[in-house]
Amino acid sequence: ILHWNGTAWKRVTVPALGTDGYDLLGLT
């Protein structure tokens, strides 16, 4: 998850989910 603050893109903490592969595909 990334966030643009008007100046740069920053990485945002994602909750711990385990060891399997994960993919976020959409948001609103």
PDB file of all heavy atoms in Angstrom:
ATOM      1  N   ILE A   1       0.862  -1.179   0.000  1.00  0.00           N
ATOM      2  CA  ILE A   1       0.000   0.000   0.000  1.00  0.00           C
ATOM      3  C   ILE A   1       0.898   1.228   0.000  1.00  0.00           C
ATOM      4  O   ILE A   1       1.808   1.349   0.826  1.00  0.00           O
ATOM      5  CB  ILE A   1      -0.933   0.031   1.219  1.00  0.00           C
ATOM      6  CG1 ILE A   1      -1.847  -1.198   1.217  1.00  0.00           C
ATOM      7  CG2 ILE A   1      -1.781   1.302   1.212  1.00  0.00           C
ATOM      8  CD1 ILE A   1      -2.780  -1.275   2.421  1.00  0.00           C
ATOM      9  N   LEU A   2       0.659   2.134  -0.944  1.00  0.00           N
ATOM     10  CA  LEU A   2       1.420   3.375  -1.055  1.00  0.00           C
ATOM     11  C   LEU A   2       0.480   4.568  -0.897  1.00  0.00           C
ATOM     12  O   LEU A   2      -0.700   4.487  -1.236  1.00  0.00           O
ATOM     13  CB  LEU A   2       2.126   3.460  -2.414  1.00  0.00           C
ATOM     14  CG  LEU A   2       3.123   2.362  -2.775  1.00  0.00           C
ATOM     15  CD1 LEU A   2       3.658   2.579  -4.187  1.00  0.00           C
ATOM     16  CD2 LEU A   2       4.267   2.298  -1.774  1.00  0.00           C
ATOM     17  N   HIS A   3       1.050   5.686  -0.425  1.00  0.00           N
ATOM     18  CA  HIS A   3       0.266   6.913  -0.277  1.00  0.00           C
ATOM     19  C   HIS A   3       1.063   8.107  -0.813  1.00  0.00           C
ATOM     20  O   HIS A   3       2.266   8.239  -0.550  1.00  0.00           O
ATOM     21  CB  HIS A   3      -0.091   7.164   1.184  1.00  0.00           C
ATOM     22  CG  HIS A   3      -0.943   8.375   1.389  1.00  0.00           C
ATOM     23  ND1 HIS A   3      -0.439   9.584   1.844  1.00  0.00           N
ATOM     24  CD2 HIS A   3      -2.272   8.576   1.176  1.00  0.00           C
ATOM     25  CE1 HIS A   3      -1.428  10.465   1.900  1.00  0.00           C
ATOM     26  NE2 HIS A   3      -2.546   9.885   1.510  1.00  0.00           N
ATOM     27  N   TRP A   4       0.389   8.943  -1.588  1.00  0.00           N
ATOM     28  CA  TRP A   4       0.975  10.171  -2.126  1.00  0.00           C
ATOM     29  C   TRP A   4       0.555  11.330  -1.229  1.00  0.00           C
ATOM     30  O   TRP A   4      -0.638  11.560  -1.006  1.00  0.00           O
ATOM     31  CB  TRP A   4       0.498  10.400  -3.555  1.00  0.00           C
ATOM     32  CG  TRP A   4       0.844  11.739  -4.141  1.00  0.00           C
ATOM     33  CD1 TRP A   4       0.029  12.819  -4.250  1.00  0.00           C
ATOM     34  CD2 TRP A   4       2.101  12.126  -4.705  1.00  0.00           C
ATOM     35  NE1 TRP A   4       0.689  13.852  -4.851  1.00  0.00           N
ATOM     36  CE2 TRP A   4       1.969  13.470  -5.145  1.00  0.00           C
ATOM     37  CE3 TRP A   4       3.318  11.481  -4.892  1.00  0.00           C
ATOM     38  CZ2 TRP A   4       3.000  14.159  -5.755  1.00  0.00           C
ATOM     39  CZ3 TRP A   4       4.352  12.172  -5.498  1.00  0.00           C
ATOM     40  CH2 TRP A   4       4.188  13.495  -5.919  1.00  0.00           C
ATOM     41  N   ASN A   5       1.526  12.061  -0.688  1.00  0.00           N
ATOM     42  CA  ASN A   5       1.234  13.142   0.250  1.00  0.00           C
ATOM     43  C   ASN A   5       1.317  14.524  -0.381  1.00  0.00           C
ATOM     44  O   ASN A   5       1.329  15.533   0.312  1.00  0.00           O
ATOM     45  CB  ASN A   5       2.184  13.071   1.445  1.00  0.00           C
ATOM     46  CG  ASN A   5       3.648  13.205   1.027  1.00  0.00           C
ATOM     47  OD1 ASN A   5       3.958  13.582  -0.101  1.00  0.00           O
ATOM     48  ND2 ASN A   5       4.549  12.891   1.950  1.00  0.00           N
ATOM     49  N   GLY A   6       1.344  14.555  -1.700  1.00  0.00           N
ATOM     50  CA  GLY A   6       1.460  15.817  -2.425  1.00  0.00           C
ATOM     51  C   GLY A   6       2.870  16.097  -2.870  1.00  0.00           C
ATOM     52  O   GLY A   6       3.100  16.956  -3.731  1.00  0.00           O
ATOM     53  N   THR A   7       3.829  15.337  -2.312  1.00  0.00           N
ATOM     54  CA  THR A   7       5.236  15.521  -2.653  1.00  0.00           C
ATOM     55  C   THR A   7       5.895  14.240  -3.133  1.00  0.00           C
ATOM     56  O   THR A   7       6.666  14.248  -4.090  1.00  0.00           O
ATOM     57  CB  THR A   7       6.023  16.052  -1.433  1.00  0.00           C
ATOM     58  OG1 THR A   7       5.422  17.268  -0.975  1.00  0.00           O
ATOM     59  CG2 THR A   7       7.473  16.304  -1.797  1.00  0.00           C
ATOM     60  N   ALA A   8       5.590  13.121  -2.471  1.00  0.00           N
ATOM     61  CA  ALA A   8       6.246  11.862  -2.811  1.00  0.00           C
ATOM     62  C   ALA A   8       5.343  10.688  -2.428  1.00  0.00           C
ATOM     63  O   ALA A   8       4.426  10.810  -1.609  1.00  0.00           O
ATOM     64  CB  ALA A   8       7.584  11.751  -2.086  1.00  0.00           C
ATOM     65  N   TRP A   9       5.627   9.515  -3.050  1.00  0.00           N
ATOM     66  CA  TRP A   9       4.954   8.286  -2.698  1.00  0.00           C
ATOM     67  C   TRP A   9       5.673   7.642  -1.526  1.00  0.00           C
ATOM     68  O   TRP A   9       6.897   7.478  -1.543  1.00  0.00           O
ATOM     69  CB  TRP A   9       4.922   7.323  -3.880  1.00  0.00           C
ATOM     70  CG  TRP A   9       3.947   7.717  -4.941  1.00  0.00           C
ATOM     71  CD1 TRP A   9       4.210   8.405  -6.089  1.00  0.00           C
ATOM     72  CD2 TRP A   9       2.543   7.449  -4.951  1.00  0.00           C
ATOM     73  NE1 TRP A   9       3.057   8.590  -6.810  1.00  0.00           N
ATOM     74  CE2 TRP A   9       2.020   8.012  -6.140  1.00  0.00           C
ATOM     75  CE3 TRP A   9       1.688   6.784  -4.079  1.00  0.00           C
ATOM     76  CZ2 TRP A   9       0.670   7.917  -6.476  1.00  0.00           C
ATOM     77  CZ3 TRP A   9       0.339   6.694  -4.400  1.00  0.00           C
ATOM     78  CH2 TRP A   9      -0.162   7.259  -5.583  1.00  0.00           C
ATOM     79  N   LYS A  10       4.937   7.261  -0.481  1.00  0.00           N
ATOM     80  CA  LYS A  10       5.491   6.627   0.698  1.00  0.00           C
ATOM     81  C   LYS A  10       4.813   5.282   0.936  1.00  0.00           C
ATOM     82  O   LYS A  10       3.607   5.130   0.729  1.00  0.00           O
ATOM     83  CB  LYS A  10       5.300   7.508   1.935  1.00  0.00           C
ATOM     84  CG  LYS A  10       5.911   8.903   1.817  1.00  0.00           C
ATOM     85  CD  LYS A  10       7.437   8.848   1.795  1.00  0.00           C
ATOM     86  CE  LYS A  10       8.032  10.256   1.799  1.00  0.00           C
ATOM     87  NZ  LYS A  10       9.521  10.217   1.780  1.00  0.00           N
ATOM     88  N   ARG A  11       5.583   4.323   1.401  1.00  0.00           N
ATOM     89  CA  ARG A  11       5.043   3.009   1.734  1.00  0.00           C
ATOM     90  C   ARG A  11       4.308   3.079   3.073  1.00  0.00           C
ATOM     91  O   ARG A  11       4.781   3.705   4.026  1.00  0.00           O
ATOM     92  CB  ARG A  11       6.185   1.998   1.808  1.00  0.00           C
ATOM     93  CG  ARG A  11       5.735   0.555   1.935  1.00  0.00           C
ATOM     94  CD  ARG A  11       6.947  -0.347   1.928  1.00  0.00           C
ATOM     95  NE  ARG A  11       6.597  -1.733   2.192  1.00  0.00           N
ATOM     96  CZ  ARG A  11       7.489  -2.690   2.423  1.00  0.00           C
ATOM     97  NH1 ARG A  11       8.794  -2.400   2.404  1.00  0.00           N
ATOM     98  NH2 ARG A  11       7.099  -3.923   2.659  1.00  0.00           N
ATOM     99  N   VAL A  12       3.137   2.436   3.134  1.00  0.00           N
ATOM    100  CA  VAL A  12       2.312   2.431   4.335  1.00  0.00           C
ATOM    101  C   VAL A  12       2.293   1.022   4.915  1.00  0.00           C
ATOM    102  O   VAL A  12       2.227   0.033   4.185  1.00  0.00           O
ATOM    103  CB  VAL A  12       0.875   2.894   4.014  1.00  0.00           C
ATOM    104  CG1 VAL A  12      -0.006   2.859   5.259  1.00  0.00           C
ATOM    105  CG2 VAL A  12       0.902   4.296   3.415  1.00  0.00           C
ATOM    106  N   THR A  13       2.322   0.922   6.232  1.00  0.00           N
ATOM    107  CA  THR A  13       2.357  -0.375   6.899  1.00  0.00           C
ATOM    108  C   THR A  13       1.101  -1.192   6.605  1.00  0.00           C
ATOM    109  O   THR A  13      -0.022  -0.703   6.716  1.00  0.00           O
ATOM    110  CB  THR A  13       2.491  -0.200   8.419  1.00  0.00           C
ATOM    111  OG1 THR A  13       3.690   0.521   8.692  1.00  0.00           O
ATOM    112  CG2 THR A  13       2.529  -1.542   9.123  1.00  0.00           C
ATOM    113  N   VAL A  14       1.332  -2.463   6.224  1.00  0.00           N
ATOM    114  CA  VAL A  14       0.251  -3.415   5.982  1.00  0.00           C
ATOM    115  C   VAL A  14       0.235  -4.397   7.141  1.00  0.00           C
ATOM    116  O   VAL A  14       1.291  -4.836   7.599  1.00  0.00           O
ATOM    117  CB  VAL A  14       0.469  -4.160   4.650  1.00  0.00           C
ATOM    118  CG1 VAL A  14      -0.620  -5.196   4.424  1.00  0.00           C
ATOM    119  CG2 VAL A  14       0.519  -3.173   3.494  1.00  0.00           C
ATOM    120  N   PRO A  15      -0.932  -4.790   7.646  1.00  0.00           N
ATOM    121  CA  PRO A  15      -0.973  -5.731   8.771  1.00  0.00           C
ATOM    122  C   PRO A  15      -0.319  -7.062   8.422  1.00  0.00           C
ATOM    123  O   PRO A  15      -0.356  -7.504   7.269  1.00  0.00           O
ATOM    124  CB  PRO A  15      -2.465  -5.894   9.053  1.00  0.00           C
ATOM    125  CG  PRO A  15      -3.152  -5.451   7.800  1.00  0.00           C
ATOM    126  CD  PRO A  15      -2.278  -4.383   7.230  1.00  0.00           C
ATOM    127  N   ALA A  16       0.312  -7.700   9.403  1.00  0.00           N
ATOM    128  CA  ALA A  16       0.940  -8.999   9.196  1.00  0.00           C
ATOM    129  C   ALA A  16      -0.116 -10.013   8.765  1.00  0.00           C
ATOM    130  O   ALA A  16      -1.168 -10.140   9.385  1.00  0.00           O
ATOM    131  CB  ALA A  16       1.624  -9.452  10.482  1.00  0.00           C
ATOM    132  N   LEU A  17       0.186 -10.755   7.684  1.00  0.00           N
ATOM    133  CA  LEU A  17      -0.812 -11.651   7.114  1.00  0.00           C
ATOM    134  C   LEU A  17      -0.357 -13.102   7.038  1.00  0.00           C
ATOM    135  O   LEU A  17      -1.142 -13.977   6.710  1.00  0.00           O
ATOM    136  CB  LEU A  17      -1.191 -11.169   5.704  1.00  0.00           C
ATOM    137  CG  LEU A  17      -1.810  -9.769   5.629  1.00  0.00           C
ATOM    138  CD1 LEU A  17      -1.962  -9.340   4.184  1.00  0.00           C
ATOM    139  CD2 LEU A  17      -3.155  -9.731   6.340  1.00  0.00           C
ATOM    140  N   GLY A  18       0.909 -13.398   7.291  1.00  0.00           N
ATOM    141  CA  GLY A  18       1.393 -14.762   7.164  1.00  0.00           C
ATOM    142  C   GLY A  18       2.464 -14.865   6.108  1.00  0.00           C
ATOM    143  O   GLY A  18       3.012 -13.864   5.650  1.00  0.00           O
ATOM    144  N   THR A  19       2.765 -16.090   5.695  1.00  0.00           N
ATOM    145  CA  THR A  19       3.887 -16.321   4.783  1.00  0.00           C
ATOM    146  C   THR A  19       3.485 -16.589   3.346  1.00  0.00           C
ATOM    147  O   THR A  19       4.328 -16.599   2.464  1.00  0.00           O
ATOM    148  CB  THR A  19       4.718 -17.508   5.292  1.00  0.00           C
ATOM    149  OG1 THR A  19       3.872 -18.672   5.377  1.00  0.00           O
ATOM    150  CG2 THR A  19       5.313 -17.212   6.654  1.00  0.00           C
ATOM    151  N   ASP A  20       2.201 -16.867   3.069  1.00  0.00           N
ATOM    152  CA  ASP A  20       1.768 -17.119   1.694  1.00  0.00           C
ATOM    153  C   ASP A  20       1.829 -15.849   0.867  1.00  0.00           C
ATOM    154  O   ASP A  20       1.892 -14.736   1.389  1.00  0.00           O
ATOM    155  CB  ASP A  20       0.336 -17.670   1.665  1.00  0.00           C
ATOM    156  CG  ASP A  20       0.257 -19.096   2.197  1.00  0.00           C
ATOM    157  OD1 ASP A  20       1.247 -19.822   2.021  1.00  0.00           O
ATOM    158  OD2 ASP A  20      -0.771 -19.443   2.783  1.00  0.00           O
ATOM    159  N   GLY A  21       1.805 -15.998  -0.452  1.00  0.00           N
ATOM    160  CA  GLY A  21       1.822 -14.840  -1.325  1.00  0.00           C
ATOM    161  C   GLY A  21       0.499 -14.088  -1.286  1.00  0.00           C
ATOM    162  O   GLY A  21      -0.579 -14.694  -1.274  1.00  0.00           O
ATOM    163  N   TYR A  22       0.580 -12.776  -1.240  1.00  0.00           N
ATOM    164  CA  TYR A  22      -0.619 -11.935  -1.162  1.00  0.00           C
ATOM    165  C   TYR A  22      -0.578 -10.888  -2.264  1.00  0.00           C
ATOM    166  O   TYR A  22       0.487 -10.404  -2.636  1.00  0.00           O
ATOM    167  CB  TYR A  22      -0.704 -11.227   0.192  1.00  0.00           C
ATOM    168  CG  TYR A  22      -0.832 -12.154   1.367  1.00  0.00           C
ATOM    169  CD1 TYR A  22       0.288 -12.756   1.935  1.00  0.00           C
ATOM    170  CD2 TYR A  22      -2.080 -12.433   1.916  1.00  0.00           C
ATOM    171  CE1 TYR A  22       0.166 -13.605   3.022  1.00  0.00           C
ATOM    172  CE2 TYR A  22      -2.210 -13.286   3.003  1.00  0.00           C
ATOM    173  CZ  TYR A  22      -1.077 -13.874   3.556  1.00  0.00           C
ATOM    174  OH  TYR A  22      -1.207 -14.719   4.627  1.00  0.00           O
ATOM    175  N   ASP A  23      -1.762 -10.511  -2.738  1.00  0.00           N
ATOM    176  CA  ASP A  23      -1.838  -9.525  -3.804  1.00  0.00           C
ATOM    177  C   ASP A  23      -3.059  -8.645  -3.574  1.00  0.00           C
ATOM    178  O   ASP A  23      -4.178  -9.147  -3.477  1.00  0.00           O
ATOM    179  CB  ASP A  23      -1.954 -10.234  -5.156  1.00  0.00           C
ATOM    180  CG  ASP A  23      -1.789  -9.287  -6.331  1.00  0.00           C
ATOM    181  OD1 ASP A  23      -1.532  -8.096  -6.102  1.00  0.00           O
ATOM    182  OD2 ASP A  23      -1.922  -9.752  -7.473  1.00  0.00           O
ATOM    183  N   LEU A  24      -2.834  -7.330  -3.463  1.00  0.00           N
ATOM    184  CA  LEU A  24      -3.944  -6.389  -3.381  1.00  0.00           C
ATOM    185  C   LEU A  24      -4.265  -5.902  -4.788  1.00  0.00           C
ATOM    186  O   LEU A  24      -3.390  -5.418  -5.500  1.00  0.00           O
ATOM    187  CB  LEU A  24      -3.599  -5.218  -2.461  1.00  0.00           C
ATOM    188  CG  LEU A  24      -3.512  -5.571  -0.976  1.00  0.00           C
ATOM    189  CD1 LEU A  24      -2.975  -4.388  -0.183  1.00  0.00           C
ATOM    190  CD2 LEU A  24      -4.877  -6.007  -0.446  1.00  0.00           C
ATOM    191  N   LEU A  25      -5.521  -6.014  -5.166  1.00  0.00           N
ATOM    192  CA  LEU A  25      -5.921  -5.758  -6.539  1.00  0.00           C
ATOM    193  C   LEU A  25      -6.774  -4.518  -6.722  1.00  0.00           C
ATOM    194  O   LEU A  25      -6.885  -4.009  -7.829  1.00  0.00           O
ATOM    195  CB  LEU A  25      -6.687  -6.968  -7.077  1.00  0.00           C
ATOM    196  CG  LEU A  25      -5.858  -8.247  -7.157  1.00  0.00           C
ATOM    197  CD1 LEU A  25      -6.751  -9.438  -7.379  1.00  0.00           C
ATOM    198  CD2 LEU A  25      -4.834  -8.133  -8.255  1.00  0.00           C
ATOM    199  N   GLY A  26      -7.398  -4.049  -5.680  1.00  0.00           N
ATOM    200  CA  GLY A  26      -8.262  -2.889  -5.856  1.00  0.00           C
ATOM    201  C   GLY A  26      -8.547  -2.198  -4.547  1.00  0.00           C
ATOM    202  O   GLY A  26      -8.283  -2.729  -3.462  1.00  0.00           O
ATOM    203  N   LEU A  27      -9.076  -0.985  -4.637  1.00  0.00           N
ATOM    204  CA  LEU A  27      -9.437  -0.238  -3.449  1.00  0.00           C
ATOM    205  C   LEU A  27     -10.485   0.806  -3.774  1.00  0.00           C
ATOM    206  O   LEU A  27     -10.729   1.122  -4.938  1.00  0.00           O
ATOM    207  CB  LEU A  27      -8.217   0.448  -2.821  1.00  0.00           C
ATOM    208  CG  LEU A  27      -7.663   1.703  -3.505  1.00  0.00           C
ATOM    209  CD1 LEU A  27      -6.848   2.530  -2.529  1.00  0.00           C
ATOM    210  CD2 LEU A  27      -6.785   1.315  -4.699  1.00  0.00           C
ATOM    211  N   THR A  28     -11.102   1.331  -2.736  1.00  0.00           N
ATOM    212  CA  THR A  28     -12.024   2.435  -2.883  1.00  0.00           C
ATOM    213  C   THR A  28     -11.925   3.330  -1.663  1.00  0.00           C
ATOM    214  O   THR A  28     -11.548   2.886  -0.576  1.00  0.00           O
ATOM    215  CB  THR A  28     -13.475   1.949  -3.056  1.00  0.00           C
ATOM    216  OG1 THR A  28     -14.284   3.022  -3.537  1.00  0.00           O
ATOM    217  CG2 THR A  28     -14.056   1.441  -1.767  1.00  0.00           C
TER     218      THR A  28
END
